[in-house]
Protein backbone atom coordinates (compact mmCIF):
# COMPACT_ATOMS: atom_id res chain seq x y z
CA MET A 1 26.34 -82.41 -70.17
CA SER A 2 23.25 -83.53 -68.92
CA SER A 3 21.07 -81.42 -66.38
CA ASP A 4 19.01 -84.33 -64.84
CA MET A 5 17.54 -83.16 -61.70
CA ASN A 6 19.18 -85.48 -59.76
CA MET A 7 22.61 -84.40 -60.94
CA PRO A 8 24.92 -84.47 -58.21
CA PHE A 9 25.93 -81.03 -56.64
CA THR A 10 29.89 -81.20 -56.18
CA GLN A 11 30.44 -79.35 -52.83
CA ILE A 12 32.79 -76.29 -52.46
CA GLU A 13 35.82 -76.90 -50.55
CA ARG A 14 36.56 -74.23 -47.91
CA GLY A 15 39.77 -73.66 -45.89
CA VAL A 16 40.60 -77.52 -46.75
CA ALA A 17 43.27 -76.86 -49.61
CA ASN A 18 46.96 -77.41 -48.74
CA GLU A 19 47.81 -74.57 -46.59
CA ALA A 20 51.56 -74.43 -47.51
CA SER A 21 49.92 -73.77 -51.27
CA ASP A 22 50.19 -70.11 -52.52
CA ILE A 23 46.68 -70.78 -54.43
CA ALA A 24 44.04 -69.19 -52.87
CA ILE A 25 40.98 -69.75 -54.94
CA SER A 26 41.21 -72.77 -57.31
CA VAL A 27 37.92 -72.94 -60.08
CA THR A 28 38.04 -76.35 -61.99
CA HIS A 29 35.68 -77.25 -64.68
CA LEU A 30 33.13 -74.98 -62.91
CA SER A 31 29.47 -75.38 -64.66
CA LYS A 32 25.93 -73.90 -63.56
CA CYS A 33 22.50 -75.06 -65.39
CA TYR A 34 19.43 -73.20 -64.66
CA GLN A 35 16.05 -74.79 -65.62
CA ILE A 36 13.76 -72.51 -67.73
CA TYR A 37 10.19 -73.37 -67.64
CA ASP A 38 7.59 -71.93 -70.23
CA SER A 39 4.41 -71.91 -67.78
CA PRO A 40 4.25 -73.27 -63.97
CA ARG A 41 2.37 -76.27 -65.30
CA ASP A 42 5.60 -77.26 -67.19
CA ARG A 43 7.38 -77.07 -63.70
CA LEU A 44 4.47 -79.24 -62.05
CA LYS A 45 5.03 -81.92 -64.92
CA GLN A 46 8.67 -82.26 -64.56
CA PHE A 47 8.12 -82.73 -60.36
CA ILE A 48 5.78 -85.46 -61.31
CA LEU A 49 5.88 -87.14 -64.60
CA PRO A 50 9.45 -88.32 -65.16
CA ARG A 51 8.93 -90.35 -61.84
CA PHE A 52 5.92 -92.19 -63.46
CA GLN A 53 8.15 -92.64 -66.75
CA ARG A 54 11.05 -94.32 -65.27
CA PHE A 55 8.89 -96.67 -63.29
CA SER A 56 7.44 -97.45 -66.38
CA LEU A 57 10.80 -98.03 -68.29
CA GLN A 58 10.12 -95.27 -70.32
CA PRO A 59 13.13 -92.33 -70.94
CA PRO A 60 12.09 -89.58 -68.90
CA LYS A 61 11.15 -86.44 -70.80
CA HIS A 62 12.17 -82.68 -69.72
CA TYR A 63 9.53 -80.32 -69.57
CA PHE A 64 12.33 -77.30 -69.26
CA ARG A 65 14.70 -75.53 -71.34
CA GLU A 66 18.39 -75.43 -70.21
CA PHE A 67 20.46 -72.03 -69.66
CA TRP A 68 23.91 -72.23 -68.86
CA ALA A 69 24.91 -69.45 -66.86
CA LEU A 70 28.83 -71.14 -66.60
CA LYS A 71 30.33 -73.58 -68.78
CA ASP A 72 33.42 -75.27 -67.99
CA VAL A 73 35.16 -72.47 -66.16
CA THR A 74 38.55 -73.05 -64.81
CA PHE A 75 41.18 -70.68 -63.16
CA GLU A 76 43.45 -69.77 -60.26
CA VAL A 77 44.24 -66.97 -58.30
CA LYS A 78 47.10 -66.72 -56.25
CA LYS A 79 47.63 -65.27 -52.64
CA GLY A 80 48.02 -61.73 -52.83
CA GLU A 81 46.87 -61.21 -56.23
CA THR A 82 44.21 -58.68 -57.47
CA VAL A 83 41.99 -60.35 -60.29
CA GLY A 84 39.69 -58.69 -61.98
CA ILE A 85 36.60 -60.52 -64.28
CA ILE A 86 34.86 -58.28 -66.80
CA GLY A 87 32.22 -58.80 -69.29
CA LYS A 88 28.74 -57.72 -70.32
CA ASN A 89 25.54 -58.36 -68.45
CA GLY A 90 24.40 -62.02 -68.44
CA SER A 91 27.68 -63.33 -69.14
CA GLY A 92 28.04 -65.18 -65.69
CA LYS A 93 30.35 -62.98 -63.35
CA SER A 94 27.68 -62.84 -60.36
CA THR A 95 26.57 -66.28 -60.97
CA LEU A 96 30.58 -67.21 -60.82
CA LEU A 97 31.13 -65.07 -57.74
CA GLN A 98 28.06 -66.23 -55.73
CA ILE A 99 29.56 -70.13 -56.12
CA ILE A 100 32.93 -68.86 -54.98
CA CYS A 101 31.33 -67.25 -52.15
CA GLY A 102 29.39 -70.48 -51.28
CA THR A 103 25.60 -68.78 -51.90
CA LEU A 104 25.02 -71.16 -54.78
CA HIS A 105 25.81 -74.26 -55.87
CA PRO A 106 27.20 -75.45 -59.06
CA SER A 107 25.74 -78.01 -61.25
CA PHE A 108 29.53 -79.32 -61.84
CA GLY A 109 32.79 -78.74 -61.03
CA ASN A 110 34.83 -77.78 -57.92
CA VAL A 111 36.09 -74.88 -55.95
CA GLU A 112 38.53 -74.70 -53.64
CA ILE A 113 39.35 -71.60 -51.06
CA ASN A 114 42.15 -71.03 -49.07
CA GLY A 115 41.24 -68.47 -46.11
CA ARG A 116 38.27 -66.63 -45.12
CA VAL A 117 35.97 -65.05 -47.86
CA ALA A 118 34.36 -61.87 -47.28
CA ALA A 119 32.04 -60.52 -50.16
CA LEU A 120 30.04 -57.52 -51.19
CA LEU A 121 27.71 -59.08 -53.79
CA GLU A 122 24.21 -58.01 -54.55
CA LEU A 123 23.15 -54.97 -53.02
CA GLY A 124 22.26 -55.38 -49.26
CA SER A 125 22.88 -59.17 -49.59
CA GLY A 126 23.28 -60.54 -45.97
CA PHE A 127 21.06 -57.92 -44.61
CA ASN A 128 17.56 -58.42 -42.84
CA PRO A 129 15.79 -55.21 -44.30
CA GLU A 130 13.87 -55.21 -40.75
CA PHE A 131 16.69 -55.22 -38.73
CA THR A 132 18.57 -52.30 -37.75
CA GLY A 133 21.94 -50.91 -39.08
CA SER A 134 23.36 -52.38 -35.65
CA GLU A 135 21.56 -55.62 -35.49
CA ASN A 136 22.82 -56.46 -39.43
CA ILE A 137 26.24 -55.26 -38.39
CA TYR A 138 26.40 -58.10 -35.74
CA MET A 139 24.34 -60.66 -38.12
CA TYR A 140 26.24 -60.14 -40.96
CA ALA A 141 29.76 -60.06 -39.37
CA ALA A 142 28.75 -63.39 -37.83
CA ILE A 143 28.00 -64.85 -40.92
CA LEU A 144 31.39 -63.90 -42.09
CA GLY A 145 33.16 -65.54 -39.32
CA LEU A 146 33.45 -63.25 -36.57
CA LYS A 147 32.59 -64.05 -32.75
CA ILE A 148 30.63 -61.97 -30.77
CA GLU A 149 33.56 -60.47 -28.38
CA GLU A 150 35.16 -59.74 -31.94
CA ILE A 151 32.16 -57.78 -33.02
CA ASP A 152 31.92 -56.22 -29.55
CA GLU A 153 35.88 -55.01 -30.21
CA ARG A 154 35.01 -53.67 -33.71
CA TYR A 155 31.73 -52.25 -33.65
CA ASP A 156 32.64 -48.50 -33.08
CA LYS A 157 35.08 -48.95 -35.78
CA ILE A 158 32.54 -50.38 -38.41
CA VAL A 159 30.04 -47.66 -37.40
CA ALA A 160 32.70 -44.89 -38.02
CA PHE A 161 33.49 -46.35 -41.08
CA ALA A 162 30.18 -46.42 -42.56
CA ASP A 163 29.74 -42.79 -41.45
CA ILE A 164 25.71 -43.14 -41.77
CA GLY A 165 24.89 -41.33 -38.37
CA ASP A 166 21.90 -41.96 -36.22
CA PHE A 167 20.68 -44.05 -39.10
CA VAL A 168 22.58 -46.84 -37.80
CA GLU A 169 19.56 -47.68 -35.27
CA GLN A 170 17.03 -47.79 -38.00
CA PRO A 171 15.97 -50.55 -39.99
CA THR A 172 17.98 -50.89 -43.18
CA LYS A 173 14.46 -50.95 -45.22
CA THR A 174 14.64 -47.17 -44.47
CA TYR A 175 18.33 -46.61 -45.94
CA SER A 176 19.45 -45.35 -49.37
CA SER A 177 21.08 -47.54 -51.72
CA GLY A 178 24.35 -45.89 -51.11
CA MET A 179 23.74 -46.40 -46.86
CA VAL A 180 23.22 -50.08 -47.47
CA VAL A 181 26.68 -50.28 -49.54
CA ARG A 182 28.38 -48.14 -46.81
CA LEU A 183 27.19 -50.34 -43.99
CA ALA A 184 28.26 -53.74 -46.05
CA PHE A 185 31.74 -52.49 -47.26
CA SER A 186 32.29 -51.27 -43.49
CA VAL A 187 31.55 -54.75 -42.21
CA ILE A 188 33.77 -56.43 -44.80
CA ALA A 189 36.44 -54.12 -44.10
CA HIS A 190 36.64 -54.99 -40.53
CA VAL A 191 36.59 -58.75 -40.70
CA ASN A 192 40.00 -59.24 -41.21
CA ALA A 193 39.48 -61.61 -44.32
CA ASP A 194 42.05 -63.34 -46.64
CA ILE A 195 40.20 -63.07 -50.15
CA LEU A 196 37.82 -60.32 -50.61
CA VAL A 197 35.05 -60.52 -53.56
CA ILE A 198 33.35 -57.08 -54.78
CA ASP A 199 30.94 -57.23 -57.80
CA GLU A 200 30.21 -53.70 -58.78
CA ALA A 201 28.80 -52.52 -55.38
CA LEU A 202 30.72 -49.54 -55.09
CA SER A 203 29.00 -47.74 -58.09
CA VAL A 204 26.16 -46.44 -56.15
CA GLY A 205 28.83 -44.76 -53.33
CA ASP A 206 29.35 -40.95 -53.31
CA ALA A 207 32.81 -39.70 -54.06
CA PHE A 208 34.14 -39.28 -50.77
CA PHE A 209 33.04 -42.97 -49.66
CA VAL A 210 34.36 -44.53 -52.83
CA GLN A 211 37.54 -42.71 -52.08
CA LYS A 212 37.45 -44.10 -48.57
CA CYS A 213 36.84 -47.75 -50.04
CA MET A 214 39.92 -47.49 -52.58
CA ARG A 215 42.10 -46.70 -49.71
CA PHE A 216 41.03 -49.53 -48.25
CA LEU A 217 41.25 -51.72 -51.15
CA ARG A 218 44.69 -50.46 -52.10
CA GLU A 219 46.09 -51.30 -48.39
CA PHE A 220 44.19 -54.76 -48.28
CA MET A 221 46.21 -55.62 -51.73
CA LYS A 222 49.38 -55.45 -50.37
CA LYS A 223 48.58 -58.57 -48.23
CA GLY A 224 45.13 -59.94 -49.30
CA THR A 225 43.39 -61.60 -52.34
CA VAL A 226 41.09 -59.66 -54.19
CA LEU A 227 38.79 -60.60 -56.76
CA PHE A 228 36.92 -57.64 -58.55
CA VAL A 229 34.08 -57.45 -61.02
CA SER A 230 33.44 -54.32 -62.91
CA HIS A 231 32.25 -52.93 -66.20
CA ASP A 232 34.54 -49.92 -65.55
CA THR A 233 37.46 -51.08 -67.65
CA GLY A 234 39.74 -47.98 -66.24
CA ALA A 235 38.93 -49.68 -62.62
CA ILE A 236 40.49 -52.96 -63.95
CA LEU A 237 43.51 -51.35 -65.08
CA ASN A 238 44.02 -49.08 -61.96
CA LEU A 239 43.63 -51.99 -59.50
CA CYS A 240 44.31 -55.53 -60.99
CA GLU A 241 47.40 -57.22 -61.97
CA SER A 242 45.38 -59.87 -64.28
CA ALA A 243 42.04 -59.85 -65.77
CA ILE A 244 39.38 -62.82 -66.81
CA TRP A 245 36.98 -61.99 -69.84
CA LEU A 246 33.81 -63.74 -69.42
CA GLN A 247 31.31 -64.22 -72.05
CA GLU A 248 28.25 -66.17 -72.22
CA GLY A 249 29.25 -68.29 -69.24
CA THR A 250 32.70 -69.22 -70.76
CA ILE A 251 36.35 -67.81 -70.53
CA THR A 252 36.97 -65.91 -73.61
CA ALA A 253 40.39 -64.64 -72.59
CA GLU A 254 42.42 -64.22 -69.20
CA GLY A 255 46.14 -62.34 -69.04
CA LYS A 256 47.00 -58.74 -68.74
CA PRO A 257 44.43 -56.48 -67.88
CA LYS A 258 45.70 -54.11 -70.61
CA GLU A 259 45.27 -56.88 -73.56
CA ILE A 260 41.99 -58.30 -71.91
CA THR A 261 40.24 -54.78 -71.56
CA GLU A 262 41.19 -53.79 -75.37
CA ARG A 263 39.86 -57.18 -76.75
CA TYR A 264 36.93 -56.59 -74.55
CA LEU A 265 35.95 -53.10 -75.97
CA GLU A 266 36.61 -54.46 -79.53
CA ARG A 267 34.12 -57.10 -78.88
CA LEU A 268 31.66 -54.45 -77.48
CA TYR A 269 31.92 -52.13 -80.35
CA GLU A 270 31.64 -55.64 -82.91
CA SER A 271 28.32 -56.88 -80.96
CA GLN A 272 26.62 -53.49 -81.44
CA GLN A 273 27.73 -52.56 -84.78
CA GLY A 274 28.61 -55.98 -86.74
CA GLU A 275 31.87 -57.73 -87.48
CA SER A 276 35.26 -55.64 -87.52
CA LEU A 277 37.63 -55.56 -90.28
CA ALA A 278 40.99 -57.57 -90.36
CA ASP A 279 44.01 -55.71 -87.96
CA ASN A 280 45.92 -55.04 -91.12
CA LYS A 281 43.41 -54.94 -93.90
CA HIS A 282 44.27 -51.11 -94.56
CA ASN A 283 47.67 -51.73 -95.43
CA ALA A 284 47.35 -51.40 -98.55
CA ILE A 285 46.20 -47.54 -98.21
CA LEU A 286 49.24 -46.55 -96.22
CA ASP A 287 50.67 -43.14 -97.58
CA ASN A 288 54.37 -42.63 -98.33
CA HIS A 289 54.75 -40.05 -95.92
CA ASN A 290 54.69 -42.57 -93.06
CA GLU A 291 58.07 -43.42 -94.33
CA GLN A 292 59.81 -40.35 -93.55
CA PRO A 293 61.65 -40.94 -89.75
CA SER A 294 60.91 -38.68 -86.79
CA ARG A 295 63.00 -35.78 -86.02
CA ASP A 296 63.89 -34.69 -82.70
CA MET A 297 64.70 -30.84 -82.61
CA ARG A 298 65.72 -30.76 -78.55
CA LEU A 299 68.65 -32.25 -78.86
CA ASP A 300 70.95 -29.04 -77.57
CA PHE A 301 68.49 -29.11 -74.75
CA ILE A 302 69.26 -33.09 -74.02
CA ASN A 303 72.91 -32.57 -74.30
CA GLN A 304 73.03 -30.11 -71.33
CA THR A 305 71.32 -32.41 -69.29
CA SER A 306 71.05 -35.52 -67.46
CA LEU A 307 68.40 -36.71 -69.89
CA ARG A 308 71.04 -37.43 -72.52
CA ASN A 309 70.78 -41.25 -73.55
CA ASP A 310 69.84 -43.17 -76.45
CA ILE A 311 66.19 -41.85 -77.24
CA GLU A 312 63.71 -44.17 -79.14
CA LEU A 313 61.64 -42.41 -82.15
CA PHE A 314 58.27 -43.73 -82.04
CA GLN A 315 55.99 -43.11 -85.18
CA PHE A 316 52.76 -44.33 -86.52
CA THR A 317 52.47 -48.06 -87.00
CA LEU A 318 50.01 -50.29 -88.75
CA ASP A 319 51.28 -53.48 -86.63
CA THR A 320 48.93 -52.29 -83.24
CA PRO A 321 45.65 -53.96 -82.98
CA SER A 322 42.68 -52.07 -84.49
CA PHE A 323 39.02 -52.65 -85.40
CA GLY A 324 35.96 -51.07 -87.16
CA LYS A 325 33.33 -51.51 -89.70
CA GLY A 326 35.86 -49.76 -92.32
CA GLY A 327 34.00 -46.95 -93.80
CA ALA A 328 37.43 -44.94 -93.09
CA ASN A 329 40.64 -45.62 -92.11
CA ILE A 330 43.67 -44.02 -90.28
CA THR A 331 46.73 -43.67 -92.29
CA ASN A 332 49.05 -42.09 -90.09
CA VAL A 333 49.09 -40.11 -86.78
CA GLU A 334 51.77 -37.58 -85.95
CA LEU A 335 52.59 -35.56 -82.53
CA LEU A 336 54.38 -32.38 -83.65
CA ASP A 337 55.81 -29.24 -81.86
CA TYR A 338 54.73 -25.36 -82.94
CA HIS A 339 56.77 -25.45 -85.64
CA ASP A 340 55.57 -28.97 -87.18
CA ASN A 341 58.47 -30.66 -86.49
CA VAL A 342 57.69 -34.35 -85.17
CA LEU A 343 58.22 -34.85 -81.89
CA ALA A 344 59.56 -38.08 -80.20
CA TRP A 345 59.46 -36.80 -76.49
CA THR A 346 57.87 -34.08 -74.64
CA VAL A 347 57.98 -31.73 -71.63
CA GLY A 348 54.43 -30.94 -70.08
CA GLY A 349 53.24 -27.18 -70.70
CA GLU A 350 54.46 -27.15 -74.17
CA ARG A 351 52.19 -26.48 -77.02
CA VAL A 352 52.02 -29.47 -79.46
CA LYS A 353 49.58 -30.39 -82.53
CA LEU A 354 48.25 -33.78 -82.85
CA VAL A 355 47.26 -34.58 -86.48
CA ILE A 356 45.52 -37.81 -87.35
CA HIS A 357 45.48 -38.39 -91.07
CA CYS A 358 42.56 -40.36 -92.67
CA ILE A 359 41.29 -41.74 -95.91
CA ALA A 360 37.16 -42.16 -96.43
CA GLN A 361 36.39 -45.36 -97.91
CA ASP A 362 32.76 -44.48 -98.19
CA THR A 363 31.01 -41.28 -97.70
CA LEU A 364 30.96 -39.97 -94.37
CA LEU A 365 28.04 -37.39 -93.51
CA SER A 366 28.88 -36.75 -89.70
CA PRO A 367 32.57 -37.96 -89.38
CA ILE A 368 34.18 -37.86 -85.63
CA VAL A 369 38.08 -38.05 -85.47
CA GLY A 370 39.17 -38.57 -81.87
CA PHE A 371 42.00 -39.38 -79.82
CA GLN A 372 42.81 -41.03 -75.88
CA VAL A 373 46.22 -40.54 -74.36
CA LYS A 374 47.18 -43.63 -72.19
CA ASP A 375 49.72 -44.18 -69.61
CA ARG A 376 51.57 -47.41 -69.30
CA LEU A 377 48.87 -49.37 -67.62
CA GLY A 378 46.35 -48.44 -70.16
CA GLN A 379 44.54 -45.94 -67.87
CA VAL A 380 43.17 -42.86 -70.47
CA VAL A 381 44.90 -39.56 -69.22
CA PHE A 382 42.78 -37.39 -71.54
CA GLY A 383 41.47 -37.35 -74.92
CA ASP A 384 39.39 -35.24 -77.05
CA ASN A 385 37.26 -35.44 -80.52
CA THR A 386 35.98 -33.27 -83.29
CA TYR A 387 32.06 -33.80 -82.40
CA LEU A 388 31.51 -30.55 -81.43
CA THR A 389 33.51 -28.70 -83.92
CA GLY A 390 31.59 -30.87 -86.30
CA ILE A 391 28.02 -29.38 -85.31
CA GLN A 392 29.26 -25.66 -85.47
CA TYR A 393 31.16 -26.65 -88.88
CA PRO A 394 29.74 -29.62 -90.60
CA VAL A 395 31.99 -31.41 -92.92
CA ASN A 396 31.14 -34.27 -95.33
CA ILE A 397 34.01 -36.39 -96.58
CA ALA A 398 33.32 -38.09 -100.37
CA ALA A 399 34.64 -41.25 -100.80
CA LYS A 400 38.36 -42.21 -101.31
CA SER A 401 39.38 -38.79 -100.17
CA TYR A 402 42.13 -37.97 -97.75
CA PHE A 403 41.28 -35.90 -94.72
CA ASN A 404 42.97 -35.07 -91.43
CA ALA A 405 41.98 -33.80 -87.85
CA CYS A 406 44.06 -31.38 -86.10
CA PHE A 407 44.08 -30.84 -82.45
CA GLU A 408 46.41 -28.03 -81.06
CA PHE A 409 47.06 -27.90 -77.20
CA ASP A 410 49.42 -27.24 -74.19
CA MET A 411 50.50 -31.14 -73.16
CA PRO A 412 49.61 -31.44 -69.61
CA VAL A 413 52.33 -31.92 -66.91
CA MET A 414 52.04 -35.75 -66.80
CA PRO A 415 54.78 -37.80 -64.57
CA VAL A 416 58.13 -39.24 -66.71
CA GLY A 417 57.15 -42.30 -68.79
CA ASP A 418 56.13 -44.05 -71.76
CA TYR A 419 52.61 -42.91 -73.11
CA THR A 420 50.29 -44.24 -76.10
CA ILE A 421 47.70 -42.52 -78.45
CA THR A 422 44.94 -44.26 -79.55
CA ALA A 423 43.09 -42.72 -82.44
CA ALA A 424 39.50 -43.48 -83.99
CA ILE A 425 37.00 -42.61 -86.73
CA ALA A 426 33.37 -42.68 -86.09
CA GLU A 427 30.17 -41.67 -88.06
CA GLY A 428 27.08 -40.18 -86.30
CA SER A 429 26.62 -38.54 -82.97
CA ALA A 430 28.53 -38.87 -79.48
CA GLU A 431 25.59 -40.87 -78.22
CA GLU A 432 24.68 -43.29 -81.23
CA HIS A 433 27.69 -43.69 -83.83
CA ILE A 434 29.42 -46.22 -86.00
CA GLN A 435 32.84 -46.93 -85.57
CA HIS A 436 34.57 -47.02 -88.65
CA PHE A 437 38.32 -47.74 -87.46
CA TRP A 438 39.82 -47.67 -83.78
CA SER A 439 43.57 -47.91 -83.89
CA HIS A 440 45.16 -48.94 -80.22
CA ASP A 441 48.36 -47.74 -79.56
CA ALA A 442 48.53 -46.05 -83.08
CA LEU A 443 51.54 -43.72 -81.40
CA ALA A 444 54.03 -43.77 -78.44
CA PHE A 445 56.01 -40.99 -77.05
CA LYS A 446 58.13 -40.53 -73.82
CA VAL A 447 57.54 -37.37 -71.17
CA HIS A 448 60.53 -36.10 -69.89
CA SER A 449 61.52 -33.35 -67.35
CA THR A 450 58.24 -33.43 -65.47
CA SER A 451 57.24 -31.55 -61.95
CA VAL A 452 54.93 -34.38 -61.34
CA CYS A 453 55.14 -35.04 -57.60
CA TYR A 454 51.96 -37.19 -57.13
CA GLY A 455 48.84 -38.29 -59.39
CA VAL A 456 48.34 -38.81 -63.10
CA VAL A 457 49.05 -35.21 -64.00
CA GLY A 458 50.13 -31.87 -62.68
CA ILE A 459 49.12 -28.42 -63.06
CA PRO A 460 51.60 -25.55 -64.38
CA MET A 461 52.12 -23.65 -61.27
CA LYS A 462 52.24 -19.81 -61.68
CA LYS A 463 53.66 -18.99 -58.42
CA ILE A 464 54.36 -20.71 -55.37
CA ASN A 465 55.32 -18.77 -52.21
CA LEU A 466 56.83 -19.79 -48.81
CA SER A 467 56.69 -17.02 -46.26
CA THR A 468 56.68 -16.49 -42.75
CA THR A 469 53.86 -14.38 -40.69
CA GLN A 470 54.27 -12.22 -37.59
CA SER A 471 52.23 -14.22 -34.85
């Protein structure tokens, strides 16, 4: 690909795609190249000299370096779909969104948009800092396609949603970052857009406003299309139906959010600590005791309830994806009751033990063993590790030694369903450590018979009263 200064810019088509199509956003072979100059002198040379070189029939010389922010990106987003885009800083996420929203021209490729787009990109983009909040509402809403009569009709609702009080009559240059986001999000929430594009902007809002935005997003997702960029893998898992992983301007992977976020986190560790081991390199160290089947000690209880069915017994498997430097490995993960019987399922509130069996391939000076319990969407429900215990009672592990970490706790009250346990071994501190072994979904178990009505977890109620009082 050439990045000559006279390269053609492909026009972005908006609202011209087939109205009957179920595609909201179509991105085809999209590329964006920036010209990087080492000095202002080189920029002046590039402006003048190639013209003379062409005139004298010499091949034009470039006085810049090319930086491809995007390289041949192709994907589609269906109407009504919520797609998350994840990637490190500099991977091209913001560039991609700016091109989709029409604030940036591509070098090559094509974007087709079906419907009105409302975007919350860079902090305060679309606002004039000298204008008051009220004036910016009218200007920003007009940019997004509303007529003056429509803005008048929705103005009070926009101001109420933003909840910035009398500051709405002050210049936005006096606003805090949170107030700017409040006002910008409030406008895009009231323009009746078909497609909503959000780029990390909600990370600066306070908890109450973020919850208000989440309620709006979930309502919008029932009928609209959302393109959501975030570094928060939990948000991608929670909100999105599919995910796209961008790295160095190209699509590394796309698919289900759980799979994509796991691969992204694995690569993130690799980039910080070096290349990981192959998934099944640790097969040779599997201990023989892994072969024993799980025992469910609650059959009498099951027989007396409507829960009686064929219950699958889950146990540790080496087939799950794993990565790490390899200074230690996990050989087994067990979920036990208080009498050390292996559990296939559990009920919230009961005392359990989670035992993670390990082997040190190298000497470990400050080992940290931890776990995360995830729901079926891959959201982390709870977790813990041995870091604080290791500070109080330091343990060094010799090479080729077996060791284990045992966590005893009351199982939280969780909704009925399938859950997995991710286990890991690291070395160092909570802030700076080497990830030796990380096993996604090392163990699976079921939760039966719950009192959870709403939310991710419930609480063990001690007493619930419903009584009348005399007026």
